[in-house]
Amino acid sequence: MTIRTILADDHPATTAGLHAVLSSDNEIEVAAMVSSPTELFRAIETIPTDIVITDFSMEIDSKCEPDGLQMVQNIRKRHPDVGLIVFTMTSNSAILQAILQFGVEGLISKVDHIIDLPSILRLVYNGHKFIGKGIAAQIKSNKNSSMVDTGLNVEISPSELDVIRLFARGVSTLDIGRRLHRSPKTISNQKRIAMHKLGIANDMELFAYARANGIAF
């Protein structure tokens, strides 16, 4: 048995560390190491792959491949048979829950020990899911919710979170609609609903909220 794996992270030291741990196991083959969403999609489409281990927030490259939640969602839609493990520094419970709701097989914090990574890959390869201890502790109280905990005792949906996240990065309503494949009217409505739930009166308050809660990255 050989578990063919792609590593994706825009920090060379991270991919080097992951490679060192995985290469010590003779049943795991690191088939590629990439540093951007574009490179990751290209690798998945051209290299036989069992599992992808990817950073959540890589730098957006010149071809404007999607970041974060949209990247995870696209991998799941385009390559449903590939096991997906997200390896992230993100600590915001809203983001973590949204990642899980898109159907990843593994979610691990970068502050966790990675010595057990080969065992985690075997679990995922054999059809199981894995959530790291640090991440599980952060989302424990909300793990069964179909909505997203914003940290302010208010719940917004993953779709609304997508809109807030992109808006806070300065993306226009029209471009958000294009990225998320929704109409501008839908984007405006989801933004308005999210602001109402959060008790936010204007765009400046929304920017401040998103950045304070680690949603704009």
C-alpha atoms as a PDB file:
ATOM      1  CA  MET A   1       0.000   0.000   0.000  1.00  0.00           C
ATOM      2  CA  THR A   2       1.270   3.450  -0.935  1.00  0.00           C
ATOM      3  CA  ILE A   3      -0.572   6.599   0.121  1.00  0.00           C
ATOM      4  CA  ARG A   4       0.144   9.240  -2.506  1.00  0.00           C
ATOM      5  CA  THR A   5       0.106  12.687  -0.925  1.00  0.00           C
ATOM      6  CA  ILE A   6       0.318  16.303  -2.079  1.00  0.00           C
ATOM      7  CA  LEU A   7       1.533  18.986   0.346  1.00  0.00           C
ATOM      8  CA  ALA A   8       0.401  22.598  -0.141  1.00  0.00           C
ATOM      9  CA  ASP A   9       1.698  25.545   1.881  1.00  0.00           C
ATOM     10  CA  ASP A  10       3.232  28.887   0.969  1.00  0.00           C
ATOM     11  CA  HIS A  11       5.881  28.534   3.690  1.00  0.00           C
ATOM     12  CA  PRO A  12       8.744  26.282   2.500  1.00  0.00           C
ATOM     13  CA  ALA A  13       9.737  25.445   6.078  1.00  0.00           C
ATOM     14  CA  THR A  14       6.271  24.013   6.719  1.00  0.00           C
ATOM     15  CA  THR A  15       6.241  21.766   3.664  1.00  0.00           C
ATOM     16  CA  ALA A  16       9.808  20.687   4.422  1.00  0.00           C
ATOM     17  CA  GLY A  17       8.792  19.691   7.960  1.00  0.00           C
ATOM     18  CA  LEU A  18       5.738  17.787   6.767  1.00  0.00           C
ATOM     19  CA  HIS A  19       7.802  16.083   4.078  1.00  0.00           C
ATOM     20  CA  ALA A  20      10.402  14.979   6.620  1.00  0.00           C
ATOM     21  CA  VAL A  21       7.768  13.414   8.877  1.00  0.00           C
ATOM     22  CA  LEU A  22       5.889  11.668   6.075  1.00  0.00           C
ATOM     23  CA  SER A  23       8.986  10.451   4.247  1.00  0.00           C
ATOM     24  CA  SER A  24      10.011   8.484   7.317  1.00  0.00           C
ATOM     25  CA  ASP A  25       7.083   6.150   6.589  1.00  0.00           C
ATOM     26  CA  ASN A  26       7.678   3.769   3.682  1.00  0.00           C
ATOM     27  CA  GLU A  27       3.942   3.476   2.970  1.00  0.00           C
ATOM     28  CA  ILE A  28       3.586   7.208   2.214  1.00  0.00           C
ATOM     29  CA  GLU A  29       4.775   8.893  -0.968  1.00  0.00           C
ATOM     30  CA  VAL A  30       4.947  12.687  -1.170  1.00  0.00           C
ATOM     31  CA  ALA A  31       3.991  13.090  -4.814  1.00  0.00           C
ATOM     32  CA  ALA A  32       4.247  16.895  -4.938  1.00  0.00           C
ATOM     33  CA  MET A  33       4.879  19.982  -2.827  1.00  0.00           C
ATOM     34  CA  VAL A  34       3.175  23.207  -3.987  1.00  0.00           C
ATOM     35  CA  SER A  35       2.876  26.746  -2.658  1.00  0.00           C
ATOM     36  CA  SER A  36      -0.304  28.275  -4.118  1.00  0.00           C
ATOM     37  CA  PRO A  37      -3.930  27.367  -4.870  1.00  0.00           C
ATOM     38  CA  THR A  38      -3.244  27.371  -8.621  1.00  0.00           C
ATOM     39  CA  GLU A  39      -0.342  24.940  -8.217  1.00  0.00           C
ATOM     40  CA  LEU A  40      -2.453  22.775  -5.935  1.00  0.00           C
ATOM     41  CA  PHE A  41      -5.334  22.406  -8.399  1.00  0.00           C
ATOM     42  CA  ARG A  42      -2.887  21.713 -11.218  1.00  0.00           C
ATOM     43  CA  ALA A  43      -1.158  19.015  -9.170  1.00  0.00           C
ATOM     44  CA  ILE A  44      -4.404  17.290  -8.161  1.00  0.00           C
ATOM     45  CA  GLU A  45      -5.530  17.243 -11.784  1.00  0.00           C
ATOM     46  CA  THR A  46      -2.277  15.810 -13.167  1.00  0.00           C
ATOM     47  CA  ILE A  47      -0.836  13.605 -10.409  1.00  0.00           C
ATOM     48  CA  PRO A  48      -2.549  10.474  -9.042  1.00  0.00           C
ATOM     49  CA  THR A  49      -3.400  11.516  -5.488  1.00  0.00           C
ATOM     50  CA  ASP A  50      -4.942   9.845  -2.460  1.00  0.00           C
ATOM     51  CA  ILE A  51      -4.675  12.665   0.100  1.00  0.00           C
ATOM     52  CA  VAL A  52      -4.037  16.408   0.007  1.00  0.00           C
ATOM     53  CA  ILE A  53      -2.653  18.210   3.054  1.00  0.00           C
ATOM     54  CA  THR A  54      -3.131  21.938   2.528  1.00  0.00           C
ATOM     55  CA  ASP A  55      -2.768  25.204   4.367  1.00  0.00           C
ATOM     56  CA  PHE A  56      -6.069  27.063   4.626  1.00  0.00           C
ATOM     57  CA  SER A  57      -4.884  30.560   3.795  1.00  0.00           C
ATOM     58  CA  MET A  58      -2.210  30.626   1.103  1.00  0.00           C
ATOM     59  CA  GLU A  59      -1.308  33.807  -0.748  1.00  0.00           C
ATOM     60  CA  ILE A  60      -3.561  34.420  -3.733  1.00  0.00           C
ATOM     61  CA  ASP A  61      -1.496  34.132  -6.892  1.00  0.00           C
ATOM     62  CA  SER A  62      -1.694  36.009 -10.164  1.00  0.00           C
ATOM     63  CA  LYS A  63      -4.327  33.670 -11.595  1.00  0.00           C
ATOM     64  CA  CYS A  64      -6.684  34.480  -8.726  1.00  0.00           C
ATOM     65  CA  GLU A  65      -7.486  30.955  -7.670  1.00  0.00           C
ATOM     66  CA  PRO A  66      -9.907  31.020  -4.720  1.00  0.00           C
ATOM     67  CA  ASP A  67      -8.612  31.115  -1.175  1.00  0.00           C
ATOM     68  CA  GLY A  68      -9.791  29.666   2.103  1.00  0.00           C
ATOM     69  CA  LEU A  69     -13.333  28.370   2.190  1.00  0.00           C
ATOM     70  CA  GLN A  70     -13.842  28.604  -1.550  1.00  0.00           C
ATOM     71  CA  MET A  71     -10.638  26.664  -2.226  1.00  0.00           C
ATOM     72  CA  VAL A  72     -11.739  23.877   0.134  1.00  0.00           C
ATOM     73  CA  GLN A  73     -15.208  23.830  -1.404  1.00  0.00           C
ATOM     74  CA  ASN A  74     -13.799  23.622  -4.942  1.00  0.00           C
ATOM     75  CA  ILE A  75     -11.473  20.752  -4.059  1.00  0.00           C
ATOM     76  CA  ARG A  76     -14.395  18.840  -2.596  1.00  0.00           C
ATOM     77  CA  LYS A  77     -16.577  19.480  -5.667  1.00  0.00           C
ATOM     78  CA  ARG A  78     -13.928  18.764  -8.294  1.00  0.00           C
ATOM     79  CA  HIS A  79     -12.156  15.884  -6.556  1.00  0.00           C
ATOM     80  CA  PRO A  80     -14.569  14.165  -4.152  1.00  0.00           C
ATOM     81  CA  ASP A  81     -12.469  10.977  -4.051  1.00  0.00           C
ATOM     82  CA  VAL A  82      -9.343  12.742  -2.769  1.00  0.00           C
ATOM     83  CA  GLY A  83      -8.937  12.826   1.004  1.00  0.00           C
ATOM     84  CA  LEU A  84      -8.561  16.419   2.194  1.00  0.00           C
ATOM     85  CA  ILE A  85      -6.710  17.451   5.358  1.00  0.00           C
ATOM     86  CA  VAL A  86      -6.538  21.160   6.222  1.00  0.00           C
ATOM     87  CA  PHE A  87      -3.467  22.192   8.233  1.00  0.00           C
ATOM     88  CA  THR A  88      -3.992  25.701   9.578  1.00  0.00           C
ATOM     89  CA  MET A  89      -3.079  28.433  12.049  1.00  0.00           C
ATOM     90  CA  THR A  90      -6.677  29.685  12.040  1.00  0.00           C
ATOM     91  CA  SER A  91      -8.181  29.695  15.528  1.00  0.00           C
ATOM     92  CA  ASN A  92     -11.511  31.406  14.838  1.00  0.00           C
ATOM     93  CA  SER A  93     -14.301  28.931  15.580  1.00  0.00           C
ATOM     94  CA  ALA A  94     -16.492  30.353  12.809  1.00  0.00           C
ATOM     95  CA  ILE A  95     -13.885  29.557  10.177  1.00  0.00           C
ATOM     96  CA  LEU A  96     -13.102  26.130  11.645  1.00  0.00           C
ATOM     97  CA  GLN A  97     -16.745  25.073  11.674  1.00  0.00           C
ATOM     98  CA  ALA A  98     -17.229  26.288   8.120  1.00  0.00           C
ATOM     99  CA  ILE A  99     -14.222  24.231   6.968  1.00  0.00           C
ATOM    100  CA  LEU A 100     -15.726  21.120   8.549  1.00  0.00           C
ATOM    101  CA  GLN A 101     -19.111  21.774   6.973  1.00  0.00           C
ATOM    102  CA  PHE A 102     -17.516  21.583   3.534  1.00  0.00           C
ATOM    103  CA  GLY A 103     -16.669  17.943   4.193  1.00  0.00           C
ATOM    104  CA  VAL A 104     -12.935  17.791   4.834  1.00  0.00           C
ATOM    105  CA  GLU A 105     -11.580  14.508   6.169  1.00  0.00           C
ATOM    106  CA  GLY A 106      -9.070  16.094   8.529  1.00  0.00           C
ATOM    107  CA  LEU A 107      -8.552  19.408  10.322  1.00  0.00           C
ATOM    108  CA  ILE A 108      -5.299  19.976  12.208  1.00  0.00           C
ATOM    109  CA  SER A 109      -3.824  23.043  13.884  1.00  0.00           C
ATOM    110  CA  LYS A 110      -0.265  24.039  13.045  1.00  0.00           C
ATOM    111  CA  VAL A 111       0.434  24.331  16.756  1.00  0.00           C
ATOM    112  CA  ASP A 112      -0.303  20.624  17.258  1.00  0.00           C
ATOM    113  CA  HIS A 113       2.452  18.016  17.132  1.00  0.00           C
ATOM    114  CA  ILE A 114       2.783  16.478  13.663  1.00  0.00           C
ATOM    115  CA  ILE A 115       4.722  13.378  14.663  1.00  0.00           C
ATOM    116  CA  ASP A 116       1.504  11.352  14.389  1.00  0.00           C
ATOM    117  CA  LEU A 117       0.750  12.621  10.883  1.00  0.00           C
ATOM    118  CA  PRO A 118       1.443   9.250   9.185  1.00  0.00           C
ATOM    119  CA  SER A 119      -1.135   7.609  11.443  1.00  0.00           C
ATOM    120  CA  ILE A 120      -3.627  10.377  10.657  1.00  0.00           C
ATOM    121  CA  LEU A 121      -3.098   9.832   6.934  1.00  0.00           C
ATOM    122  CA  ARG A 122      -3.831   6.139   7.360  1.00  0.00           C
ATOM    123  CA  LEU A 123      -7.073   6.953   9.178  1.00  0.00           C
ATOM    124  CA  VAL A 124      -8.175   9.267   6.377  1.00  0.00           C
ATOM    125  CA  TYR A 125      -7.030   6.817   3.704  1.00  0.00           C
ATOM    126  CA  ASN A 126      -9.205   4.141   5.324  1.00  0.00           C
ATOM    127  CA  GLY A 127     -12.308   6.319   5.309  1.00  0.00           C
ATOM    128  CA  HIS A 128     -12.159   7.907   8.764  1.00  0.00           C
ATOM    129  CA  LYS A 129     -12.138  11.557   9.776  1.00  0.00           C
ATOM    130  CA  PHE A 130      -9.746  13.301  12.156  1.00  0.00           C
ATOM    131  CA  ILE A 131      -9.930  16.571  14.092  1.00  0.00           C
ATOM    132  CA  GLY A 132      -6.881  17.695  16.066  1.00  0.00           C
ATOM    133  CA  LYS A 133      -7.182  18.109  19.812  1.00  0.00           C
ATOM    134  CA  GLY A 134      -6.615  21.858  19.774  1.00  0.00           C
ATOM    135  CA  ILE A 135      -9.242  22.477  17.138  1.00  0.00           C
ATOM    136  CA  ALA A 136     -11.735  20.080  18.733  1.00  0.00           C
ATOM    137  CA  ALA A 137     -11.496  22.012  21.997  1.00  0.00           C
ATOM    138  CA  GLN A 138     -12.208  25.325  20.261  1.00  0.00           C
ATOM    139  CA  ILE A 139     -15.334  24.177  18.476  1.00  0.00           C
ATOM    140  CA  LYS A 140     -16.621  21.610  20.972  1.00  0.00           C
ATOM    141  CA  SER A 141     -19.613  23.613  22.100  1.00  0.00           C
ATOM    142  CA  ASN A 142     -20.770  24.231  18.537  1.00  0.00           C
ATOM    143  CA  LYS A 143     -19.716  21.102  16.651  1.00  0.00           C
ATOM    144  CA  ASN A 144     -23.292  19.866  16.187  1.00  0.00           C
ATOM    145  CA  SER A 145     -24.647  23.194  14.978  1.00  0.00           C
ATOM    146  CA  SER A 146     -25.664  23.678  11.351  1.00  0.00           C
ATOM    147  CA  MET A 147     -24.772  27.341  11.708  1.00  0.00           C
ATOM    148  CA  VAL A 148     -21.579  29.225  12.526  1.00  0.00           C
ATOM    149  CA  ASP A 149     -20.691  30.631  15.930  1.00  0.00           C
ATOM    150  CA  THR A 150     -19.380  34.168  15.520  1.00  0.00           C
ATOM    151  CA  GLY A 151     -18.063  34.430  19.050  1.00  0.00           C
ATOM    152  CA  LEU A 152     -20.685  37.027  19.996  1.00  0.00           C
ATOM    153  CA  ASN A 153     -23.549  34.636  20.817  1.00  0.00           C
ATOM    154  CA  VAL A 154     -24.878  35.222  17.294  1.00  0.00           C
ATOM    155  CA  GLU A 155     -25.051  32.586  14.573  1.00  0.00           C
ATOM    156  CA  ILE A 156     -24.566  33.232  10.886  1.00  0.00           C
ATOM    157  CA  SER A 157     -24.592  30.689   8.081  1.00  0.00           C
ATOM    158  CA  PRO A 158     -21.469  29.605   6.174  1.00  0.00           C
ATOM    159  CA  SER A 159     -22.865  31.382   3.093  1.00  0.00           C
ATOM    160  CA  GLU A 160     -23.190  34.629   5.037  1.00  0.00           C
ATOM    161  CA  LEU A 161     -19.709  34.133   6.474  1.00  0.00           C
ATOM    162  CA  ASP A 162     -18.316  33.793   2.943  1.00  0.00           C
ATOM    163  CA  VAL A 163     -19.829  37.144   1.990  1.00  0.00           C
ATOM    164  CA  ILE A 164     -18.543  38.935   5.102  1.00  0.00           C
ATOM    165  CA  ARG A 165     -15.059  37.476   4.688  1.00  0.00           C
ATOM    166  CA  LEU A 166     -14.708  38.589   1.074  1.00  0.00           C
ATOM    167  CA  PHE A 167     -16.346  41.968   1.656  1.00  0.00           C
ATOM    168  CA  ALA A 168     -13.913  42.662   4.497  1.00  0.00           C
ATOM    169  CA  ARG A 169     -11.051  41.969   2.092  1.00  0.00           C
ATOM    170  CA  GLY A 170     -12.323  44.725  -0.174  1.00  0.00           C
ATOM    171  CA  VAL A 171     -13.975  42.531  -2.815  1.00  0.00           C
ATOM    172  CA  SER A 172     -16.935  44.199  -4.539  1.00  0.00           C
ATOM    173  CA  THR A 173     -20.472  42.783  -4.458  1.00  0.00           C
ATOM    174  CA  LEU A 174     -20.244  41.940  -8.167  1.00  0.00           C
ATOM    175  CA  ASP A 175     -16.917  40.118  -7.779  1.00  0.00           C
ATOM    176  CA  ILE A 176     -18.129  38.272  -4.678  1.00  0.00           C
ATOM    177  CA  GLY A 177     -21.073  37.045  -6.717  1.00  0.00           C
ATOM    178  CA  ARG A 178     -18.744  35.861  -9.470  1.00  0.00           C
ATOM    179  CA  ARG A 179     -16.476  34.038  -7.016  1.00  0.00           C
ATOM    180  CA  LEU A 180     -19.318  32.364  -5.158  1.00  0.00           C
ATOM    181  CA  HIS A 181     -21.518  31.806  -8.224  1.00  0.00           C
ATOM    182  CA  ARG A 182     -24.394  33.809  -6.762  1.00  0.00           C
ATOM    183  CA  SER A 183     -26.294  36.810  -8.089  1.00  0.00           C
ATOM    184  CA  PRO A 184     -25.366  40.304  -6.832  1.00  0.00           C
ATOM    185  CA  LYS A 185     -28.863  40.522  -5.321  1.00  0.00           C
ATOM    186  CA  THR A 186     -28.265  37.342  -3.320  1.00  0.00           C
ATOM    187  CA  ILE A 187     -24.896  38.646  -2.114  1.00  0.00           C
ATOM    188  CA  SER A 188     -26.453  41.948  -1.018  1.00  0.00           C
ATOM    189  CA  ASN A 189     -29.259  40.132   0.822  1.00  0.00           C
ATOM    190  CA  GLN A 190     -26.849  37.798   2.618  1.00  0.00           C
ATOM    191  CA  LYS A 191     -24.676  40.717   3.649  1.00  0.00           C
ATOM    192  CA  ARG A 192     -27.720  42.626   4.924  1.00  0.00           C
ATOM    193  CA  ILE A 193     -29.024  39.607   6.873  1.00  0.00           C
ATOM    194  CA  ALA A 194     -25.613  38.974   8.449  1.00  0.00           C
ATOM    195  CA  MET A 195     -25.277  42.613   9.477  1.00  0.00           C
ATOM    196  CA  HIS A 196     -28.762  42.525  11.018  1.00  0.00           C
ATOM    197  CA  LYS A 197     -27.931  39.376  13.023  1.00  0.00           C
ATOM    198  CA  LEU A 198     -24.692  40.952  14.253  1.00  0.00           C
ATOM    199  CA  GLY A 199     -26.294  44.273  15.108  1.00  0.00           C
ATOM    200  CA  ILE A 200     -23.967  46.075  12.691  1.00  0.00           C
ATOM    201  CA  ALA A 201     -25.215  49.335  11.229  1.00  0.00           C
ATOM    202  CA  ASN A 202     -22.744  50.155   8.456  1.00  0.00           C
ATOM    203  CA  ASP A 203     -19.852  48.907   6.358  1.00  0.00           C
ATOM    204  CA  MET A 204     -17.175  50.386   8.621  1.00  0.00           C
ATOM    205  CA  GLU A 205     -18.552  48.438  11.584  1.00  0.00           C
ATOM    206  CA  LEU A 206     -18.610  45.295   9.437  1.00  0.00           C
ATOM    207  CA  PHE A 207     -14.959  45.773   8.475  1.00  0.00           C
ATOM    208  CA  ALA A 208     -14.044  46.246  12.132  1.00  0.00           C
ATOM    209  CA  TYR A 209     -16.024  43.184  13.227  1.00  0.00           C
ATOM    210  CA  ALA A 210     -14.490  40.918  10.582  1.00  0.00           C
ATOM    211  CA  ARG A 211     -10.940  41.940  11.395  1.00  0.00           C
ATOM    212  CA  ALA A 212     -11.441  41.776  15.166  1.00  0.00           C
ATOM    213  CA  ASN A 213     -12.775  38.233  14.888  1.00  0.00           C
ATOM    214  CA  GLY A 214     -10.150  36.921  12.493  1.00  0.00           C
ATOM    215  CA  ILE A 215     -12.603  36.546   9.627  1.00  0.00           C
ATOM    216  CA  ALA A 216     -10.754  38.911   7.249  1.00  0.00           C
ATOM    217  CA  PHE A 217      -7.458  37.242   6.318  1.00  0.00           C
END
